[in-house]
Amino acid sequence: MRSLYRYFMAEKDYRALLTDREREILRGEADVSESYRYRVVSRVRKKIRRLEEDVELLEAHHETLHSELRIAICENTK
C-alpha cells in the first residue's frame, strides 16, 4: 500500500521543464549570487537540449503526443 501512495504522490508532483526553485531564481525573486544564477541558467539550457531529443523521439514514435506538445508550445508563444 505504501508504494502505491508514493506512486500517486510522484504522479501529481511531475513538473514540466523548470522546478519551482528555478522559476523563482529566473524571475529574480530569490536572493542568490550571480554565479549561482548562471549555474541555474546553464542547467536549464541542458534541459532544453534534452527536450529537443524528446521532441525528436515523440515525432518518430508517438505522433499524438508530439502534436500535443507542439500545440502547447505554440499556443503559449503567441
N, C-alpha and C. Protein backbone atom coordinates (compact mmCIF):
# COMPACT_ATOMS: atom_id res chain seq x y z
N MET A 1 0.82 -1.20 0.00
CA MET A 1 0.00 0.00 0.00
C MET A 1 0.87 1.26 0.00
N ARG A 2 1.95 1.23 0.75
CA ARG A 2 2.83 2.39 0.84
C ARG A 2 3.43 2.76 -0.53
N SER A 3 3.85 1.77 -1.31
CA SER A 3 4.42 2.07 -2.63
C SER A 3 3.36 2.67 -3.55
N LEU A 4 2.12 2.27 -3.39
CA LEU A 4 1.04 2.84 -4.18
C LEU A 4 0.87 4.32 -3.83
N TYR A 5 0.99 4.66 -2.55
CA TYR A 5 0.90 6.05 -2.11
C TYR A 5 2.02 6.88 -2.74
N ARG A 6 3.24 6.34 -2.74
CA ARG A 6 4.37 7.05 -3.34
C ARG A 6 4.15 7.26 -4.84
N TYR A 7 3.55 6.29 -5.50
CA TYR A 7 3.26 6.40 -6.93
C TYR A 7 2.34 7.59 -7.19
N PHE A 8 1.27 7.70 -6.43
CA PHE A 8 0.33 8.79 -6.64
C PHE A 8 0.92 10.14 -6.26
N MET A 9 1.75 10.18 -5.24
CA MET A 9 2.42 11.42 -4.87
C MET A 9 3.35 11.87 -5.99
N ALA A 10 4.11 10.95 -6.52
CA ALA A 10 5.04 11.28 -7.60
C ALA A 10 4.27 11.72 -8.83
N GLU A 11 3.16 11.09 -9.08
CA GLU A 11 2.34 11.41 -10.25
C GLU A 11 1.88 12.87 -10.22
N LYS A 12 1.45 13.36 -9.10
CA LYS A 12 0.95 14.74 -9.03
C LYS A 12 2.08 15.76 -8.94
N ASP A 13 3.27 15.32 -8.59
CA ASP A 13 4.39 16.23 -8.42
C ASP A 13 5.24 16.38 -9.67
N TYR A 14 4.82 15.81 -10.78
CA TYR A 14 5.59 15.97 -12.01
C TYR A 14 5.66 17.45 -12.37
N ARG A 15 6.74 17.83 -12.96
CA ARG A 15 6.90 19.21 -13.40
C ARG A 15 7.17 19.20 -14.89
N ALA A 16 7.15 20.37 -15.45
CA ALA A 16 7.47 20.48 -16.87
C ALA A 16 8.98 20.63 -17.00
N LEU A 17 9.44 21.75 -17.42
CA LEU A 17 10.85 21.96 -17.66
C LEU A 17 11.57 22.46 -16.41
N LEU A 18 10.95 23.36 -15.69
CA LEU A 18 11.60 24.02 -14.56
C LEU A 18 11.05 23.56 -13.22
N THR A 19 11.94 23.55 -12.22
CA THR A 19 11.48 23.32 -10.85
C THR A 19 10.92 24.64 -10.32
N ASP A 20 10.19 24.57 -9.23
CA ASP A 20 9.68 25.80 -8.61
C ASP A 20 10.83 26.73 -8.23
N ARG A 21 11.91 26.17 -7.71
CA ARG A 21 13.06 26.97 -7.30
C ARG A 21 13.72 27.64 -8.51
N GLU A 22 13.86 26.91 -9.60
CA GLU A 22 14.43 27.51 -10.81
C GLU A 22 13.56 28.66 -11.30
N ARG A 23 12.25 28.50 -11.25
CA ARG A 23 11.35 29.58 -11.66
C ARG A 23 11.57 30.82 -10.80
N GLU A 24 11.67 30.60 -9.50
CA GLU A 24 11.89 31.69 -8.56
C GLU A 24 13.21 32.42 -8.86
N ILE A 25 14.25 31.68 -9.11
CA ILE A 25 15.56 32.26 -9.40
C ILE A 25 15.53 33.03 -10.72
N LEU A 26 14.96 32.44 -11.75
CA LEU A 26 14.92 33.09 -13.05
C LEU A 26 14.05 34.34 -13.06
N ARG A 27 13.02 34.38 -12.22
CA ARG A 27 12.18 35.58 -12.09
C ARG A 27 12.90 36.69 -11.33
N GLY A 28 14.01 36.33 -10.67
CA GLY A 28 14.73 37.31 -9.86
C GLY A 28 14.15 37.46 -8.47
N GLU A 29 13.35 36.49 -8.04
CA GLU A 29 12.69 36.56 -6.73
C GLU A 29 13.53 35.92 -5.62
N ALA A 30 14.61 35.26 -5.97
CA ALA A 30 15.43 34.57 -4.98
C ALA A 30 16.72 35.36 -4.76
N ASP A 31 17.14 35.39 -3.53
CA ASP A 31 18.38 36.07 -3.19
C ASP A 31 19.54 35.09 -3.35
N VAL A 32 20.05 35.01 -4.56
CA VAL A 32 21.16 34.09 -4.86
C VAL A 32 22.27 34.88 -5.53
N SER A 33 23.47 34.34 -5.47
CA SER A 33 24.61 35.01 -6.11
C SER A 33 24.46 34.94 -7.63
N GLU A 34 25.16 35.84 -8.29
CA GLU A 34 25.12 35.86 -9.76
C GLU A 34 25.70 34.57 -10.32
N SER A 35 26.72 34.00 -9.67
CA SER A 35 27.31 32.76 -10.16
C SER A 35 26.32 31.59 -10.03
N TYR A 36 25.53 31.58 -8.96
CA TYR A 36 24.53 30.52 -8.80
C TYR A 36 23.43 30.68 -9.85
N ARG A 37 23.01 31.91 -10.09
CA ARG A 37 22.00 32.17 -11.12
C ARG A 37 22.51 31.69 -12.47
N TYR A 38 23.78 31.93 -12.76
CA TYR A 38 24.38 31.47 -14.01
C TYR A 38 24.34 29.94 -14.11
N ARG A 39 24.62 29.26 -12.98
CA ARG A 39 24.56 27.79 -12.99
C ARG A 39 23.15 27.31 -13.28
N VAL A 40 22.17 27.99 -12.73
CA VAL A 40 20.77 27.62 -12.99
C VAL A 40 20.45 27.81 -14.47
N VAL A 41 20.88 28.91 -15.05
CA VAL A 41 20.65 29.16 -16.48
C VAL A 41 21.31 28.06 -17.30
N SER A 42 22.53 27.69 -16.93
CA SER A 42 23.24 26.62 -17.64
C SER A 42 22.50 25.29 -17.53
N ARG A 43 21.98 25.00 -16.35
CA ARG A 43 21.22 23.76 -16.13
C ARG A 43 19.97 23.74 -17.00
N VAL A 44 19.30 24.87 -17.10
CA VAL A 44 18.08 24.95 -17.92
C VAL A 44 18.43 24.76 -19.40
N ARG A 45 19.55 25.32 -19.83
CA ARG A 45 19.98 25.11 -21.22
C ARG A 45 20.17 23.63 -21.51
N LYS A 46 20.77 22.92 -20.57
CA LYS A 46 20.97 21.47 -20.76
C LYS A 46 19.63 20.76 -20.85
N LYS A 47 18.67 21.18 -20.05
CA LYS A 47 17.34 20.58 -20.10
C LYS A 47 16.69 20.84 -21.46
N ILE A 48 16.90 22.03 -22.00
CA ILE A 48 16.33 22.35 -23.31
C ILE A 48 16.91 21.44 -24.37
N ARG A 49 18.22 21.19 -24.30
CA ARG A 49 18.83 20.26 -25.28
C ARG A 49 18.23 18.86 -25.14
N ARG A 50 17.99 18.43 -23.91
CA ARG A 50 17.37 17.12 -23.71
C ARG A 50 15.93 17.13 -24.21
N LEU A 51 15.26 18.25 -24.05
CA LEU A 51 13.89 18.37 -24.55
C LEU A 51 13.87 18.23 -26.07
N GLU A 52 14.86 18.79 -26.73
CA GLU A 52 14.94 18.64 -28.19
C GLU A 52 15.01 17.17 -28.59
N GLU A 53 15.77 16.39 -27.83
CA GLU A 53 15.85 14.94 -28.09
C GLU A 53 14.50 14.28 -27.87
N ASP A 54 13.81 14.70 -26.82
CA ASP A 54 12.49 14.13 -26.53
C ASP A 54 11.50 14.45 -27.64
N VAL A 55 11.56 15.67 -28.17
CA VAL A 55 10.66 16.05 -29.25
C VAL A 55 10.91 15.17 -30.47
N GLU A 56 12.18 14.93 -30.78
CA GLU A 56 12.51 14.06 -31.92
C GLU A 56 11.98 12.64 -31.69
N LEU A 57 12.11 12.15 -30.47
CA LEU A 57 11.60 10.81 -30.15
C LEU A 57 10.08 10.77 -30.33
N LEU A 58 9.38 11.77 -29.80
CA LEU A 58 7.93 11.80 -29.94
C LEU A 58 7.51 11.90 -31.40
N GLU A 59 8.23 12.71 -32.15
CA GLU A 59 7.91 12.86 -33.57
C GLU A 59 8.04 11.52 -34.30
N ALA A 60 9.05 10.75 -33.95
CA ALA A 60 9.30 9.47 -34.62
C ALA A 60 8.40 8.34 -34.11
N HIS A 61 8.00 8.40 -32.83
CA HIS A 61 7.36 7.22 -32.24
C HIS A 61 5.98 7.45 -31.64
N HIS A 62 5.57 8.70 -31.47
CA HIS A 62 4.24 8.92 -30.89
C HIS A 62 3.66 10.23 -31.42
N GLU A 63 3.06 10.14 -32.56
CA GLU A 63 2.56 11.32 -33.28
C GLU A 63 1.58 12.15 -32.45
N THR A 64 0.71 11.50 -31.70
CA THR A 64 -0.29 12.23 -30.91
C THR A 64 0.37 13.09 -29.84
N LEU A 65 1.30 12.50 -29.08
CA LEU A 65 1.98 13.28 -28.05
C LEU A 65 2.83 14.39 -28.65
N HIS A 66 3.44 14.12 -29.78
CA HIS A 66 4.23 15.15 -30.46
C HIS A 66 3.32 16.32 -30.85
N SER A 67 2.17 16.02 -31.37
CA SER A 67 1.22 17.06 -31.75
C SER A 67 0.75 17.86 -30.54
N GLU A 68 0.45 17.18 -29.44
CA GLU A 68 0.01 17.86 -28.22
C GLU A 68 1.10 18.79 -27.69
N LEU A 69 2.34 18.36 -27.75
CA LEU A 69 3.46 19.18 -27.30
C LEU A 69 3.60 20.42 -28.18
N ARG A 70 3.54 20.24 -29.48
CA ARG A 70 3.65 21.38 -30.41
C ARG A 70 2.54 22.40 -30.15
N ILE A 71 1.33 21.93 -29.94
CA ILE A 71 0.20 22.82 -29.67
C ILE A 71 0.45 23.60 -28.37
N ALA A 72 0.87 22.90 -27.33
CA ALA A 72 1.11 23.55 -26.04
C ALA A 72 2.18 24.63 -26.15
N ILE A 73 3.23 24.35 -26.88
CA ILE A 73 4.32 25.32 -27.02
C ILE A 73 3.89 26.47 -27.92
N CYS A 74 3.30 26.16 -29.03
CA CYS A 74 2.94 27.21 -29.99
C CYS A 74 1.85 28.13 -29.46
N GLU A 75 0.88 27.60 -28.73
CA GLU A 75 -0.20 28.43 -28.19
C GLU A 75 0.33 29.39 -27.13
N ASN A 76 1.40 29.03 -26.43
CA ASN A 76 1.94 29.88 -25.39
C ASN A 76 2.97 30.87 -25.89
N THR A 77 3.28 30.85 -27.18
CA THR A 77 4.26 31.78 -27.72
C THR A 77 3.64 32.86 -28.58
N LYS A 78 2.33 32.87 -28.67
CA LYS A 78 1.63 33.88 -29.49
C LYS A 78 1.62 35.22 -28.79
